[in-house]
């Protein structure tokens, strides 16, 4: 198999993160380059230094499909860790 075929292409994704589940507006929004919607969510969480969110949504720019997740947690390494835990009910 050719090495070029194993590479994943990156696309631009619009991502929104909510710290409080029933909040009307997202706490963080961004446009990121990633290989998929979940990778885009994780990427924005790392950029914003947020370990936990109550709700996340992402869509590839130019496509109507929106992928959604609730209670997303990613452990950040110690030097990236922030005191902002965004996990509300």
N, C-alpha and C. Protein backbone atom coordinates (compact mmCIF):
# COMPACT_ATOMS: atom_id res chain seq x y z
N UNK A 1 0.83 -1.17 0.00
CA UNK A 1 0.00 0.00 0.00
C UNK A 1 0.88 1.24 0.00
N UNK A 2 0.51 2.20 -0.74
CA UNK A 2 1.25 3.44 -0.89
C UNK A 2 1.11 4.29 0.37
N UNK A 3 2.19 4.95 0.77
CA UNK A 3 2.17 5.77 1.98
C UNK A 3 1.21 6.95 1.84
N UNK A 4 1.05 7.47 0.65
CA UNK A 4 0.16 8.61 0.44
C UNK A 4 -1.30 8.25 0.67
N UNK A 5 -1.70 7.02 0.41
CA UNK A 5 -3.09 6.63 0.60
C UNK A 5 -3.43 6.45 2.07
N UNK A 6 -2.43 6.29 2.95
CA UNK A 6 -2.68 6.12 4.38
C UNK A 6 -2.89 7.45 5.09
N UNK A 7 -2.50 8.55 4.46
CA UNK A 7 -2.66 9.85 5.10
C UNK A 7 -4.11 10.27 5.09
N UNK A 8 -4.55 10.85 6.20
CA UNK A 8 -5.91 11.36 6.28
C UNK A 8 -5.89 12.82 5.88
N UNK A 9 -6.81 13.20 5.04
CA UNK A 9 -6.89 14.59 4.63
C UNK A 9 -7.58 15.40 5.71
N UNK A 10 -7.16 16.65 5.84
CA UNK A 10 -7.79 17.52 6.82
C UNK A 10 -8.76 18.45 6.11
N UNK A 11 -9.84 18.75 6.78
CA UNK A 11 -10.87 19.64 6.28
C UNK A 11 -11.09 20.73 7.33
N UNK A 12 -11.82 21.74 6.96
CA UNK A 12 -12.16 22.81 7.89
C UNK A 12 -13.51 22.51 8.53
N UNK A 13 -13.56 22.62 9.85
CA UNK A 13 -14.78 22.33 10.62
C UNK A 13 -15.15 23.52 11.49
N UNK A 14 -16.44 23.80 11.57
CA UNK A 14 -16.97 24.77 12.52
C UNK A 14 -17.34 24.00 13.78
N UNK A 15 -16.86 24.46 14.93
CA UNK A 15 -17.06 23.76 16.20
C UNK A 15 -17.64 24.71 17.23
N UNK A 16 -18.57 24.20 18.05
CA UNK A 16 -19.14 24.96 19.15
C UNK A 16 -19.11 24.09 20.41
N UNK A 17 -18.73 24.71 21.53
CA UNK A 17 -18.64 24.00 22.81
C UNK A 17 -19.49 24.72 23.85
N UNK A 18 -20.30 23.96 24.57
CA UNK A 18 -21.15 24.50 25.64
C UNK A 18 -20.64 23.98 26.97
N UNK A 19 -20.45 24.89 27.92
CA UNK A 19 -20.05 24.48 29.28
C UNK A 19 -21.26 24.05 30.09
N UNK A 20 -22.39 24.68 29.84
CA UNK A 20 -23.63 24.35 30.55
C UNK A 20 -24.60 23.76 29.55
N UNK A 21 -25.16 22.60 29.88
CA UNK A 21 -25.97 21.83 28.93
C UNK A 21 -27.15 22.61 28.38
N UNK A 22 -27.87 23.35 29.19
CA UNK A 22 -29.07 24.03 28.73
C UNK A 22 -28.83 25.48 28.34
N UNK A 23 -27.60 25.86 28.11
CA UNK A 23 -27.27 27.21 27.72
C UNK A 23 -27.70 27.45 26.27
N UNK A 24 -28.20 28.64 26.01
CA UNK A 24 -28.69 28.97 24.68
C UNK A 24 -27.55 29.18 23.68
N UNK A 25 -26.46 29.80 24.13
CA UNK A 25 -25.34 30.09 23.25
C UNK A 25 -24.09 29.34 23.70
N UNK A 26 -23.25 28.92 22.75
CA UNK A 26 -22.02 28.21 23.12
C UNK A 26 -21.02 29.13 23.81
N UNK A 27 -20.20 28.54 24.66
CA UNK A 27 -19.16 29.29 25.36
C UNK A 27 -17.92 29.49 24.49
N UNK A 28 -17.66 28.55 23.61
CA UNK A 28 -16.50 28.62 22.72
C UNK A 28 -16.94 28.22 21.32
N UNK A 29 -16.47 28.96 20.34
CA UNK A 29 -16.69 28.60 18.94
C UNK A 29 -15.38 28.79 18.19
N UNK A 30 -15.23 28.02 17.13
CA UNK A 30 -14.01 28.16 16.35
C UNK A 30 -14.09 27.39 15.06
N UNK A 31 -13.18 27.72 14.19
CA UNK A 31 -13.03 27.02 12.92
C UNK A 31 -11.66 26.37 12.94
N UNK A 32 -11.61 25.04 12.82
CA UNK A 32 -10.35 24.33 12.96
C UNK A 32 -10.14 23.36 11.79
N UNK A 33 -8.89 23.05 11.54
CA UNK A 33 -8.51 22.04 10.55
C UNK A 33 -8.35 20.72 11.28
N UNK A 34 -9.04 19.68 10.80
CA UNK A 34 -8.95 18.37 11.45
C UNK A 34 -9.31 17.29 10.44
N UNK A 35 -9.12 16.04 10.85
CA UNK A 35 -9.42 14.90 9.97
C UNK A 35 -10.85 14.39 10.14
N UNK A 36 -11.59 14.92 11.12
CA UNK A 36 -12.97 14.51 11.35
C UNK A 36 -13.62 15.43 12.36
N UNK A 37 -14.93 15.26 12.55
CA UNK A 37 -15.66 16.15 13.44
C UNK A 37 -15.23 16.00 14.90
N UNK A 38 -15.04 14.75 15.36
CA UNK A 38 -14.63 14.57 16.75
C UNK A 38 -13.22 15.11 16.98
N UNK A 39 -12.34 14.90 16.01
CA UNK A 39 -10.99 15.45 16.11
C UNK A 39 -11.02 16.97 16.16
N UNK A 40 -11.96 17.58 15.46
CA UNK A 40 -12.11 19.03 15.49
C UNK A 40 -12.57 19.50 16.86
N UNK A 41 -13.50 18.77 17.48
CA UNK A 41 -13.97 19.11 18.83
C UNK A 41 -12.80 19.03 19.81
N UNK A 42 -12.07 17.94 19.77
CA UNK A 42 -10.93 17.76 20.68
C UNK A 42 -9.88 18.85 20.45
N UNK A 43 -9.65 19.20 19.20
CA UNK A 43 -8.67 20.24 18.88
C UNK A 43 -9.07 21.58 19.49
N UNK A 44 -10.33 21.96 19.36
CA UNK A 44 -10.77 23.23 19.94
C UNK A 44 -10.71 23.18 21.46
N UNK A 45 -11.05 22.05 22.05
CA UNK A 45 -10.95 21.91 23.51
C UNK A 45 -9.50 22.10 23.96
N UNK A 46 -8.55 21.54 23.21
CA UNK A 46 -7.14 21.70 23.57
C UNK A 46 -6.69 23.14 23.40
N UNK A 47 -7.12 23.79 22.34
CA UNK A 47 -6.74 25.19 22.11
C UNK A 47 -7.28 26.08 23.22
N UNK A 48 -8.51 25.85 23.63
CA UNK A 48 -9.14 26.66 24.68
C UNK A 48 -8.78 26.18 26.08
N UNK A 49 -8.04 25.09 26.19
CA UNK A 49 -7.62 24.50 27.47
C UNK A 49 -8.80 24.14 28.37
N UNK A 50 -9.77 23.48 27.77
CA UNK A 50 -10.96 23.03 28.49
C UNK A 50 -10.95 21.51 28.50
N UNK A 51 -11.02 20.91 29.68
CA UNK A 51 -11.00 19.45 29.78
C UNK A 51 -12.37 18.82 29.60
N UNK A 52 -13.42 19.52 30.04
CA UNK A 52 -14.76 18.94 30.01
C UNK A 52 -15.75 19.95 29.45
N UNK A 53 -16.64 19.47 28.60
CA UNK A 53 -17.76 20.29 28.15
C UNK A 53 -19.04 19.48 28.27
N UNK A 54 -20.13 20.16 28.46
CA UNK A 54 -21.42 19.49 28.60
C UNK A 54 -21.96 19.07 27.24
N UNK A 55 -21.64 19.85 26.21
CA UNK A 55 -22.21 19.61 24.89
C UNK A 55 -21.25 20.15 23.84
N UNK A 56 -21.11 19.45 22.72
CA UNK A 56 -20.25 19.89 21.63
C UNK A 56 -20.93 19.57 20.30
N UNK A 57 -20.70 20.42 19.32
CA UNK A 57 -21.24 20.20 17.97
C UNK A 57 -20.20 20.62 16.95
N UNK A 58 -20.15 19.90 15.84
CA UNK A 58 -19.20 20.22 14.78
C UNK A 58 -19.79 19.85 13.42
N UNK A 59 -19.42 20.65 12.41
CA UNK A 59 -19.82 20.33 11.06
C UNK A 59 -18.72 20.74 10.11
N UNK A 60 -18.59 19.96 9.04
CA UNK A 60 -17.61 20.30 8.02
C UNK A 60 -18.16 21.49 7.22
N UNK A 61 -17.31 22.48 6.98
CA UNK A 61 -17.73 23.67 6.25
C UNK A 61 -18.22 23.26 4.86
N UNK A 62 -19.41 23.72 4.52
CA UNK A 62 -19.98 23.42 3.22
C UNK A 62 -20.88 22.21 3.20
N UNK A 63 -21.01 21.52 4.32
CA UNK A 63 -21.87 20.33 4.41
C UNK A 63 -22.95 20.56 5.47
N UNK A 64 -24.15 20.04 5.25
CA UNK A 64 -25.25 20.29 6.20
C UNK A 64 -25.23 19.42 7.46
N UNK A 65 -24.52 18.29 7.43
CA UNK A 65 -24.54 17.36 8.56
C UNK A 65 -23.81 17.94 9.77
N UNK A 66 -24.48 17.87 10.94
CA UNK A 66 -23.88 18.33 12.20
C UNK A 66 -23.78 17.13 13.13
N UNK A 67 -22.58 16.87 13.64
CA UNK A 67 -22.38 15.81 14.62
C UNK A 67 -22.36 16.45 16.01
N UNK A 68 -23.00 15.75 16.97
CA UNK A 68 -23.14 16.29 18.32
C UNK A 68 -22.70 15.27 19.36
N UNK A 69 -22.16 15.76 20.48
CA UNK A 69 -21.76 14.91 21.60
C UNK A 69 -22.15 15.59 22.90
N UNK A 70 -22.39 14.81 23.92
CA UNK A 70 -22.63 15.36 25.25
C UNK A 70 -21.60 14.79 26.21
N UNK A 71 -21.26 15.59 27.22
CA UNK A 71 -20.30 15.22 28.26
C UNK A 71 -18.98 14.72 27.69
N UNK A 72 -18.31 15.58 26.95
CA UNK A 72 -17.01 15.24 26.37
C UNK A 72 -15.92 15.58 27.37
N UNK A 73 -15.01 14.63 27.58
CA UNK A 73 -13.89 14.81 28.51
C UNK A 73 -12.60 14.42 27.81
N UNK A 74 -11.62 15.28 27.87
CA UNK A 74 -10.28 14.94 27.38
C UNK A 74 -9.28 15.32 28.46
N UNK A 75 -8.43 14.41 28.87
CA UNK A 75 -7.43 14.77 29.87
C UNK A 75 -6.32 15.60 29.22
N UNK A 76 -6.06 16.77 29.76
CA UNK A 76 -5.00 17.62 29.26
C UNK A 76 -3.72 17.34 30.03
N UNK A 77 -2.59 17.50 29.37
CA UNK A 77 -1.33 17.31 30.08
C UNK A 77 -1.16 18.46 31.08
N UNK A 78 -0.38 18.24 32.10
CA UNK A 78 -0.31 19.15 33.25
C UNK A 78 -0.01 20.60 32.85
N UNK A 79 0.92 20.83 31.93
CA UNK A 79 1.26 22.21 31.60
C UNK A 79 0.18 22.90 30.76
N UNK A 80 -0.73 22.12 30.16
CA UNK A 80 -1.83 22.71 29.41
C UNK A 80 -3.10 22.83 30.25
N UNK A 81 -3.11 22.21 31.42
CA UNK A 81 -4.31 22.14 32.24
C UNK A 81 -4.72 23.52 32.74
N UNK A 82 -6.00 23.76 32.74
CA UNK A 82 -6.56 25.02 33.20
C UNK A 82 -7.54 24.73 34.32
N UNK A 83 -7.90 25.72 35.06
CA UNK A 83 -8.87 25.55 36.14
C UNK A 83 -10.30 25.60 35.60
N UNK A 84 -10.46 25.80 34.31
CA UNK A 84 -11.79 25.92 33.72
C UNK A 84 -12.36 24.54 33.42
N UNK A 85 -13.18 24.04 34.31
CA UNK A 85 -13.93 22.82 34.07
C UNK A 85 -15.33 23.24 33.66
N UNK A 86 -15.69 22.98 32.44
CA UNK A 86 -16.99 23.42 31.92
C UNK A 86 -17.92 22.23 31.86
N UNK A 87 -18.47 21.86 32.98
CA UNK A 87 -19.34 20.70 33.03
C UNK A 87 -20.54 21.04 33.89
N UNK A 88 -21.59 21.56 33.31
CA UNK A 88 -22.77 21.95 34.07
C UNK A 88 -23.95 21.07 33.74
N UNK A 89 -24.90 21.06 34.62
CA UNK A 89 -26.12 20.28 34.40
C UNK A 89 -27.31 21.19 34.39
